[in-house]
C-alpha cells in the first residue's frame, strides 16, 4: 500500500503487526473515491442532475448540494417516486477495493474495529481477498445481538474485528430492490438519529477507545454527528 511509504514513524505497521491497544477506525465516503465511487457531494450532484430539469445550471445544483445531505434529498424524492429512488444506489457498487480498504481489512484482522457510514461492500471485498472472514453488523437485530453477547457490568465493549455499517449496506447476494433493503430503513429514519443500539455501541466505543477518522466529513447531522458532540470522552 502506498500509505506505508509515508509512514515514517511506523505507526501503520505497528497498528497492523502487534497492536498494543485496539483502535476504532471511523470511515466515510472519502476512502472509496479512489475506487471510482463518488464522494457525498458528487453523489448529490449526480442525483439532482438526474431528477431536475436539464437546463438547471451547475451553480444551482452546487448550491442545493451544499445545503442538503444526500440522504435528505433521497428521502424527499423517495416519498414521491417510492423505491425507484433506490436504483440510484447502483452508482455506489464497485468491485475494486483500494489501499484504504485493504488497510482496514488488515486492521480488522488484527483485532481493531471499523465504523462506516458507507453502503458499498469494498471493505468486505478486501477482507475476502486477504482471506479474512468479515461479518458486518447492519440491521438493528444484529446490533441487539451484539450487545446481548457483551459482558455485563463495568467491562468495555469488546470491539474485536467488528465492522459496523451505520447507514445500511448494499447486499450483493440479493436481487432487485432487496439489495438496498437496509438502506431504505435508514432513509425512513432520516431526522430521527441512530437507532438506540447503534447509539449505545458508538457512544461506549467513543468513551473507551481511541478513534481514527478517515474520509469522513462529519456532516451527517441527522445521525452520527449529534453523538460525537454529545459524548464526553478522554480518549484521543
C-alpha atoms as a PDB file:
ATOM      1  CA  UNK A   1       0.000   0.000   0.000  1.00  0.00           C
ATOM      2  CA  UNK A   2       1.315   3.422  -0.894  1.00  0.00           C
ATOM      3  CA  UNK A   3       0.350   4.746   2.532  1.00  0.00           C
ATOM      4  CA  UNK A   4       3.188   2.797   4.121  1.00  0.00           C
ATOM      5  CA  UNK A   5       5.748   4.810   2.107  1.00  0.00           C
ATOM      6  CA  UNK A   6       4.738   7.910   4.069  1.00  0.00           C
ATOM      7  CA  UNK A   7       4.559   6.049   7.385  1.00  0.00           C
ATOM      8  CA  UNK A   8       7.969   7.296   8.549  1.00  0.00           C
ATOM      9  CA  UNK A   9       7.299   6.547  12.227  1.00  0.00           C
ATOM     10  CA  UNK A  10       5.975   3.067  11.537  1.00  0.00           C
ATOM     11  CA  UNK A  11       2.588   3.772  13.109  1.00  0.00           C
ATOM     12  CA  UNK A  12       0.568   1.993  10.419  1.00  0.00           C
ATOM     13  CA  UNK A  13       2.828  -1.059  10.596  1.00  0.00           C
ATOM     14  CA  UNK A  14       2.503  -1.143  14.367  1.00  0.00           C
ATOM     15  CA  UNK A  15      -1.297  -0.939  14.133  1.00  0.00           C
ATOM     16  CA  UNK A  16      -1.370  -3.996  11.901  1.00  0.00           C
ATOM     17  CA  UNK A  17       1.555  -6.007  13.239  1.00  0.00           C
ATOM     18  CA  UNK A  18       1.299  -6.109  17.035  1.00  0.00           C
ATOM     19  CA  UNK A  19      -1.245  -3.616  18.323  1.00  0.00           C
ATOM     20  CA  UNK A  20      -0.765  -2.716  21.974  1.00  0.00           C
ATOM     21  CA  UNK A  21      -4.272  -1.307  22.140  1.00  0.00           C
ATOM     22  CA  UNK A  22      -7.304  -1.777  19.936  1.00  0.00           C
ATOM     23  CA  UNK A  23      -8.376   1.222  17.898  1.00  0.00           C
ATOM     24  CA  UNK A  24     -11.644   2.236  16.268  1.00  0.00           C
ATOM     25  CA  UNK A  25     -11.496   3.454  12.672  1.00  0.00           C
ATOM     26  CA  UNK A  26     -14.431   5.635  11.621  1.00  0.00           C
ATOM     27  CA  UNK A  27     -14.547   5.950   7.837  1.00  0.00           C
ATOM     28  CA  UNK A  28     -16.683   7.834   5.325  1.00  0.00           C
ATOM     29  CA  UNK A  29     -17.142   8.255   1.594  1.00  0.00           C
ATOM     30  CA  UNK A  30     -13.677   9.739   1.084  1.00  0.00           C
ATOM     31  CA  UNK A  31     -11.968   6.348   1.405  1.00  0.00           C
ATOM     32  CA  UNK A  32     -13.799   4.974  -1.644  1.00  0.00           C
ATOM     33  CA  UNK A  33     -13.136   7.797  -4.117  1.00  0.00           C
ATOM     34  CA  UNK A  34     -10.019   6.044  -5.442  1.00  0.00           C
ATOM     35  CA  UNK A  35     -12.236   3.056  -6.294  1.00  0.00           C
ATOM     36  CA  UNK A  36     -14.230   5.219  -8.688  1.00  0.00           C
ATOM     37  CA  UNK A  37     -17.123   5.912  -6.324  1.00  0.00           C
ATOM     38  CA  UNK A  38     -18.481   9.441  -5.837  1.00  0.00           C
ATOM     39  CA  UNK A  39     -17.997  11.349  -2.615  1.00  0.00           C
ATOM     40  CA  UNK A  40     -21.168  12.711  -0.994  1.00  0.00           C
ATOM     41  CA  UNK A  41     -21.043  15.979  -2.915  1.00  0.00           C
ATOM     42  CA  UNK A  42     -20.637  14.227  -6.256  1.00  0.00           C
ATOM     43  CA  UNK A  43     -23.330  11.685  -5.347  1.00  0.00           C
ATOM     44  CA  UNK A  44     -25.756  14.524  -4.615  1.00  0.00           C
ATOM     45  CA  UNK A  45     -24.781  16.395  -7.788  1.00  0.00           C
ATOM     46  CA  UNK A  46     -25.401  13.345  -9.981  1.00  0.00           C
ATOM     47  CA  UNK A  47     -28.675  12.572  -8.243  1.00  0.00           C
ATOM     48  CA  UNK A  48     -30.015  16.120  -8.571  1.00  0.00           C
ATOM     49  CA  UNK A  49     -28.908  16.254 -12.192  1.00  0.00           C
ATOM     50  CA  UNK A  50     -30.875  13.087 -12.907  1.00  0.00           C
ATOM     51  CA  UNK A  51     -34.190  14.341 -11.486  1.00  0.00           C
ATOM     52  CA  UNK A  52     -34.092  18.088 -12.208  1.00  0.00           C
ATOM     53  CA  UNK A  53     -34.731  19.895 -15.498  1.00  0.00           C
ATOM     54  CA  UNK A  54     -31.831  19.585 -17.925  1.00  0.00           C
ATOM     55  CA  UNK A  55     -31.469  23.365 -18.133  1.00  0.00           C
ATOM     56  CA  UNK A  56     -30.750  23.718 -14.396  1.00  0.00           C
ATOM     57  CA  UNK A  57     -27.368  25.413 -14.252  1.00  0.00           C
ATOM     58  CA  UNK A  58     -24.379  23.988 -12.367  1.00  0.00           C
ATOM     59  CA  UNK A  59     -24.444  26.849  -9.852  1.00  0.00           C
ATOM     60  CA  UNK A  60     -27.960  25.942  -8.707  1.00  0.00           C
ATOM     61  CA  UNK A  61     -27.061  22.272  -8.413  1.00  0.00           C
ATOM     62  CA  UNK A  62     -23.954  23.099  -6.366  1.00  0.00           C
ATOM     63  CA  UNK A  63     -25.987  25.340  -4.073  1.00  0.00           C
ATOM     64  CA  UNK A  64     -28.502  22.557  -3.392  1.00  0.00           C
ATOM     65  CA  UNK A  65     -25.713  20.030  -2.746  1.00  0.00           C
ATOM     66  CA  UNK A  66     -24.070  22.297  -0.206  1.00  0.00           C
ATOM     67  CA  UNK A  67     -27.321  22.840   1.671  1.00  0.00           C
ATOM     68  CA  UNK A  68     -28.727  19.299   1.778  1.00  0.00           C
ATOM     69  CA  UNK A  69     -27.278  15.935   2.704  1.00  0.00           C
ATOM     70  CA  UNK A  70     -27.858  13.260   0.033  1.00  0.00           C
ATOM     71  CA  UNK A  71     -29.898  11.207   2.492  1.00  0.00           C
ATOM     72  CA  UNK A  72     -32.306  14.129   2.938  1.00  0.00           C
ATOM     73  CA  UNK A  73     -32.585  14.516  -0.836  1.00  0.00           C
ATOM     74  CA  UNK A  74     -33.200  10.811  -1.312  1.00  0.00           C
ATOM     75  CA  UNK A  75     -35.750  10.619   1.483  1.00  0.00           C
ATOM     76  CA  UNK A  76     -37.716  13.517  -0.009  1.00  0.00           C
ATOM     77  CA  UNK A  77     -37.665  12.118  -3.541  1.00  0.00           C
ATOM     78  CA  UNK A  78     -38.499   8.626  -2.267  1.00  0.00           C
ATOM     79  CA  UNK A  79     -41.731   9.987  -0.827  1.00  0.00           C
ATOM     80  CA  UNK A  80     -42.734  10.830  -4.413  1.00  0.00           C
ATOM     81  CA  UNK A  81     -41.067   8.123  -6.506  1.00  0.00           C
ATOM     82  CA  UNK A  82     -41.064   5.309  -3.969  1.00  0.00           C
ATOM     83  CA  UNK A  83     -38.493   2.529  -4.161  1.00  0.00           C
ATOM     84  CA  UNK A  84     -37.439   3.557  -7.665  1.00  0.00           C
ATOM     85  CA  UNK A  85     -35.205   6.076  -5.889  1.00  0.00           C
ATOM     86  CA  UNK A  86     -33.089   3.220  -4.538  1.00  0.00           C
ATOM     87  CA  UNK A  87     -31.992   2.324  -8.071  1.00  0.00           C
ATOM     88  CA  UNK A  88     -29.656   5.289  -7.892  1.00  0.00           C
ATOM     89  CA  UNK A  89     -27.562   3.434  -5.314  1.00  0.00           C
ATOM     90  CA  UNK A  90     -26.262   1.289  -8.152  1.00  0.00           C
ATOM     91  CA  UNK A  91     -23.712   4.061  -8.678  1.00  0.00           C
ATOM     92  CA  UNK A  92     -22.186   3.014  -5.334  1.00  0.00           C
ATOM     93  CA  UNK A  93     -21.472  -0.555  -6.391  1.00  0.00           C
ATOM     94  CA  UNK A  94     -17.860  -1.375  -7.170  1.00  0.00           C
ATOM     95  CA  UNK A  95     -15.575  -4.417  -7.198  1.00  0.00           C
ATOM     96  CA  UNK A  96     -12.296  -2.505  -6.901  1.00  0.00           C
ATOM     97  CA  UNK A  97     -11.205  -2.082  -3.278  1.00  0.00           C
ATOM     98  CA  UNK A  98      -8.285   0.338  -2.936  1.00  0.00           C
ATOM     99  CA  UNK A  99      -5.410   0.671  -0.462  1.00  0.00           C
ATOM    100  CA  UNK A 100      -7.715   2.221   2.148  1.00  0.00           C
ATOM    101  CA  UNK A 101      -9.999  -0.805   2.129  1.00  0.00           C
ATOM    102  CA  UNK A 102      -7.103  -3.267   2.302  1.00  0.00           C
ATOM    103  CA  UNK A 103      -5.616  -1.364   5.244  1.00  0.00           C
ATOM    104  CA  UNK A 104      -8.975  -1.519   7.042  1.00  0.00           C
ATOM    105  CA  UNK A 105      -9.309  -5.216   6.225  1.00  0.00           C
ATOM    106  CA  UNK A 106      -5.892  -5.841   7.765  1.00  0.00           C
ATOM    107  CA  UNK A 107      -6.859  -3.683  10.753  1.00  0.00           C
ATOM    108  CA  UNK A 108      -9.981  -5.798  11.282  1.00  0.00           C
ATOM    109  CA  UNK A 109      -7.895  -8.950  11.021  1.00  0.00           C
ATOM    110  CA  UNK A 110      -5.527  -7.529  13.665  1.00  0.00           C
ATOM    111  CA  UNK A 111      -8.449  -7.069  16.063  1.00  0.00           C
ATOM    112  CA  UNK A 112      -9.327  -3.422  15.546  1.00  0.00           C
ATOM    113  CA  UNK A 113     -12.846  -2.159  14.825  1.00  0.00           C
ATOM    114  CA  UNK A 114     -14.385  -0.178  11.957  1.00  0.00           C
ATOM    115  CA  UNK A 115     -17.486   2.012  11.879  1.00  0.00           C
ATOM    116  CA  UNK A 116     -18.563   3.239   8.468  1.00  0.00           C
ATOM    117  CA  UNK A 117     -21.295   5.415   7.014  1.00  0.00           C
ATOM    118  CA  UNK A 118     -20.581   3.902   3.579  1.00  0.00           C
ATOM    119  CA  UNK A 119     -23.012   1.469   1.977  1.00  0.00           C
ATOM    120  CA  UNK A 120     -20.559  -0.070  -0.513  1.00  0.00           C
ATOM    121  CA  UNK A 121     -19.011  -3.502   0.067  1.00  0.00           C
ATOM    122  CA  UNK A 122     -15.384  -2.616  -0.624  1.00  0.00           C
ATOM    123  CA  UNK A 123     -14.109  -3.309   2.904  1.00  0.00           C
ATOM    124  CA  UNK A 124     -15.787  -6.712   2.838  1.00  0.00           C
ATOM    125  CA  UNK A 125     -14.302  -7.440  -0.587  1.00  0.00           C
ATOM    126  CA  UNK A 126     -10.829  -6.521   0.681  1.00  0.00           C
ATOM    127  CA  UNK A 127     -11.353  -8.821   3.674  1.00  0.00           C
ATOM    128  CA  UNK A 128     -12.282 -11.649   1.331  1.00  0.00           C
ATOM    129  CA  UNK A 129      -9.173 -11.074  -0.780  1.00  0.00           C
ATOM    130  CA  UNK A 130      -6.842 -11.336   2.233  1.00  0.00           C
ATOM    131  CA  UNK A 131      -8.628 -14.445   3.470  1.00  0.00           C
ATOM    132  CA  UNK A 132     -10.330 -12.878   6.494  1.00  0.00           C
ATOM    133  CA  UNK A 133     -14.000 -13.609   7.139  1.00  0.00           C
ATOM    134  CA  UNK A 134     -15.916 -10.417   7.823  1.00  0.00           C
ATOM    135  CA  UNK A 135     -19.497 -10.483   9.033  1.00  0.00           C
ATOM    136  CA  UNK A 136     -20.689  -6.849   9.038  1.00  0.00           C
ATOM    137  CA  UNK A 137     -23.306  -5.680  11.535  1.00  0.00           C
ATOM    138  CA  UNK A 138     -26.036  -3.903   9.582  1.00  0.00           C
ATOM    139  CA  UNK A 139     -29.559  -4.467  10.890  1.00  0.00           C
ATOM    140  CA  UNK A 140     -30.948  -3.426  14.255  1.00  0.00           C
ATOM    141  CA  UNK A 141     -31.452  -7.024  15.393  1.00  0.00           C
ATOM    142  CA  UNK A 142     -27.747  -7.632  14.664  1.00  0.00           C
ATOM    143  CA  UNK A 143     -26.786  -4.659  16.839  1.00  0.00           C
ATOM    144  CA  UNK A 144     -29.089  -6.052  19.521  1.00  0.00           C
ATOM    145  CA  UNK A 145     -27.459  -9.498  19.321  1.00  0.00           C
ATOM    146  CA  UNK A 146     -24.019  -7.893  19.544  1.00  0.00           C
ATOM    147  CA  UNK A 147     -24.947  -6.030  22.736  1.00  0.00           C
ATOM    148  CA  UNK A 148     -26.562  -9.115  24.261  1.00  0.00           C
ATOM    149  CA  UNK A 149     -23.323 -11.008  23.725  1.00  0.00           C
ATOM    150  CA  UNK A 150     -21.247  -8.498  25.693  1.00  0.00           C
ATOM    151  CA  UNK A 151     -20.103  -8.802  29.300  1.00  0.00           C
ATOM    152  CA  UNK A 152     -22.385  -7.151  31.793  1.00  0.00           C
ATOM    153  CA  UNK A 153     -21.148  -4.707  34.390  1.00  0.00           C
ATOM    154  CA  UNK A 154     -18.177  -2.360  34.114  1.00  0.00           C
ATOM    155  CA  UNK A 155     -16.459  -4.091  31.184  1.00  0.00           C
ATOM    156  CA  UNK A 156     -15.702  -2.191  27.993  1.00  0.00           C
ATOM    157  CA  UNK A 157     -17.477  -3.343  24.866  1.00  0.00           C
ATOM    158  CA  UNK A 158     -15.348  -5.923  23.061  1.00  0.00           C
ATOM    159  CA  UNK A 159     -14.961  -4.464  19.581  1.00  0.00           C
ATOM    160  CA  UNK A 160     -12.555  -7.101  18.258  1.00  0.00           C
ATOM    161  CA  UNK A 161     -12.679  -7.354  14.449  1.00  0.00           C
ATOM    162  CA  UNK A 162     -16.182  -5.896  14.131  1.00  0.00           C
ATOM    163  CA  UNK A 163     -17.431  -3.878  11.141  1.00  0.00           C
ATOM    164  CA  UNK A 164     -20.428  -1.670  11.967  1.00  0.00           C
ATOM    165  CA  UNK A 165     -22.309  -0.214   8.970  1.00  0.00           C
ATOM    166  CA  UNK A 166     -24.389   2.626  10.388  1.00  0.00           C
ATOM    167  CA  UNK A 167     -26.214   3.693   7.210  1.00  0.00           C
ATOM    168  CA  UNK A 168     -27.048   0.270   5.847  1.00  0.00           C
ATOM    169  CA  UNK A 169     -25.334  -1.727   3.134  1.00  0.00           C
ATOM    170  CA  UNK A 170     -25.740  -2.884  -0.440  1.00  0.00           C
ATOM    171  CA  UNK A 171     -26.353  -6.629  -0.096  1.00  0.00           C
ATOM    172  CA  UNK A 172     -24.744  -8.023  -3.212  1.00  0.00           C
ATOM    173  CA  UNK A 173     -26.079 -11.546  -2.597  1.00  0.00           C
ATOM    174  CA  UNK A 174     -29.658 -10.318  -3.123  1.00  0.00           C
ATOM    175  CA  UNK A 175     -31.564  -9.321  -6.233  1.00  0.00           C
ATOM    176  CA  UNK A 176     -33.514  -6.220  -7.225  1.00  0.00           C
ATOM    177  CA  UNK A 177     -34.507  -3.727  -4.588  1.00  0.00           C
ATOM    178  CA  UNK A 178     -33.819  -6.285  -1.844  1.00  0.00           C
ATOM    179  CA  UNK A 179     -30.158  -5.352  -2.315  1.00  0.00           C
ATOM    180  CA  UNK A 180     -30.973  -1.977  -0.744  1.00  0.00           C
ATOM    181  CA  UNK A 181     -33.410  -3.031   1.989  1.00  0.00           C
ATOM    182  CA  UNK A 182     -31.219  -1.831   4.870  1.00  0.00           C
ATOM    183  CA  UNK A 183     -30.623   1.484   3.063  1.00  0.00           C
ATOM    184  CA  UNK A 184     -34.387   2.003   2.752  1.00  0.00           C
ATOM    185  CA  UNK A 185     -34.646   1.574   6.535  1.00  0.00           C
ATOM    186  CA  UNK A 186     -32.032   4.317   7.070  1.00  0.00           C
ATOM    187  CA  UNK A 187     -33.789   6.680   4.643  1.00  0.00           C
ATOM    188  CA  UNK A 188     -37.016   6.229   6.574  1.00  0.00           C
ATOM    189  CA  UNK A 189     -35.162   7.287   9.739  1.00  0.00           C
ATOM    190  CA  UNK A 190     -33.571  10.486   8.419  1.00  0.00           C
ATOM    191  CA  UNK A 191     -34.039  13.102  11.128  1.00  0.00           C
ATOM    192  CA  UNK A 192     -34.536  10.517  13.877  1.00  0.00           C
ATOM    193  CA  UNK A 193     -30.854   9.817  14.574  1.00  0.00           C
ATOM    194  CA  UNK A 194     -29.116   6.499  15.019  1.00  0.00           C
ATOM    195  CA  UNK A 195     -31.100   3.594  16.379  1.00  0.00           C
ATOM    196  CA  UNK A 196     -30.931   3.047  20.133  1.00  0.00           C
ATOM    197  CA  UNK A 197     -28.491   0.144  19.876  1.00  0.00           C
ATOM    198  CA  UNK A 198     -26.273   1.934  17.361  1.00  0.00           C
ATOM    199  CA  UNK A 199     -26.011   4.944  19.642  1.00  0.00           C
ATOM    200  CA  UNK A 200     -25.227   2.809  22.689  1.00  0.00           C
ATOM    201  CA  UNK A 201     -22.410   0.993  20.881  1.00  0.00           C
ATOM    202  CA  UNK A 202     -20.902   4.098  19.265  1.00  0.00           C
ATOM    203  CA  UNK A 203     -21.114   6.107  22.498  1.00  0.00           C
ATOM    204  CA  UNK A 204     -19.480   3.325  24.514  1.00  0.00           C
ATOM    205  CA  UNK A 205     -16.668   2.997  21.997  1.00  0.00           C
ATOM    206  CA  UNK A 206     -16.074   6.759  21.996  1.00  0.00           C
ATOM    207  CA  UNK A 207     -15.668   6.612  25.768  1.00  0.00           C
ATOM    208  CA  UNK A 208     -13.418   3.539  25.843  1.00  0.00           C
ATOM    209  CA  UNK A 209     -11.251   3.625  22.718  1.00  0.00           C
ATOM    210  CA  UNK A 210      -9.113   5.972  20.638  1.00  0.00           C
ATOM    211  CA  UNK A 211     -10.691   6.840  17.268  1.00  0.00           C
ATOM    212  CA  UNK A 212      -9.086   7.373  13.871  1.00  0.00           C
ATOM    213  CA  UNK A 213     -11.286   9.241  11.356  1.00  0.00           C
ATOM    214  CA  UNK A 214     -10.647   8.662   7.644  1.00  0.00           C
ATOM    215  CA  UNK A 215     -12.533  10.165   4.696  1.00  0.00           C
ATOM    216  CA  UNK A 216     -15.352  11.327   6.938  1.00  0.00           C
ATOM    217  CA  UNK A 217     -16.729  14.881   6.595  1.00  0.00           C
ATOM    218  CA  UNK A 218     -18.716  14.956   9.871  1.00  0.00           C
ATOM    219  CA  UNK A 219     -21.695  16.467   8.031  1.00  0.00           C
ATOM    220  CA  UNK A 220     -24.308  13.797   8.735  1.00  0.00           C
ATOM    221  CA  UNK A 221     -26.154  15.944  11.237  1.00  0.00           C
ATOM    222  CA  UNK A 222     -29.112  13.556  11.170  1.00  0.00           C
ATOM    223  CA  UNK A 223     -27.290  10.581  12.722  1.00  0.00           C
ATOM    224  CA  UNK A 224     -23.632  10.384  13.758  1.00  0.00           C
ATOM    225  CA  UNK A 225     -22.614  13.996  14.329  1.00  0.00           C
ATOM    226  CA  UNK A 226     -25.008  14.582  17.273  1.00  0.00           C
ATOM    227  CA  UNK A 227     -23.498  11.562  19.057  1.00  0.00           C
ATOM    228  CA  UNK A 228     -19.956  12.856  18.517  1.00  0.00           C
ATOM    229  CA  UNK A 229     -20.968  16.190  20.017  1.00  0.00           C
ATOM    230  CA  UNK A 230     -22.798  14.656  22.957  1.00  0.00           C
ATOM    231  CA  UNK A 231     -20.343  12.042  24.198  1.00  0.00           C
ATOM    232  CA  UNK A 232     -17.848  13.206  26.814  1.00  0.00           C
ATOM    233  CA  UNK A 233     -14.607  11.276  26.395  1.00  0.00           C
ATOM    234  CA  UNK A 234     -10.948  11.496  27.419  1.00  0.00           C
ATOM    235  CA  UNK A 235      -9.860   9.279  24.527  1.00  0.00           C
ATOM    236  CA  UNK A 236      -7.826  10.534  21.581  1.00  0.00           C
END
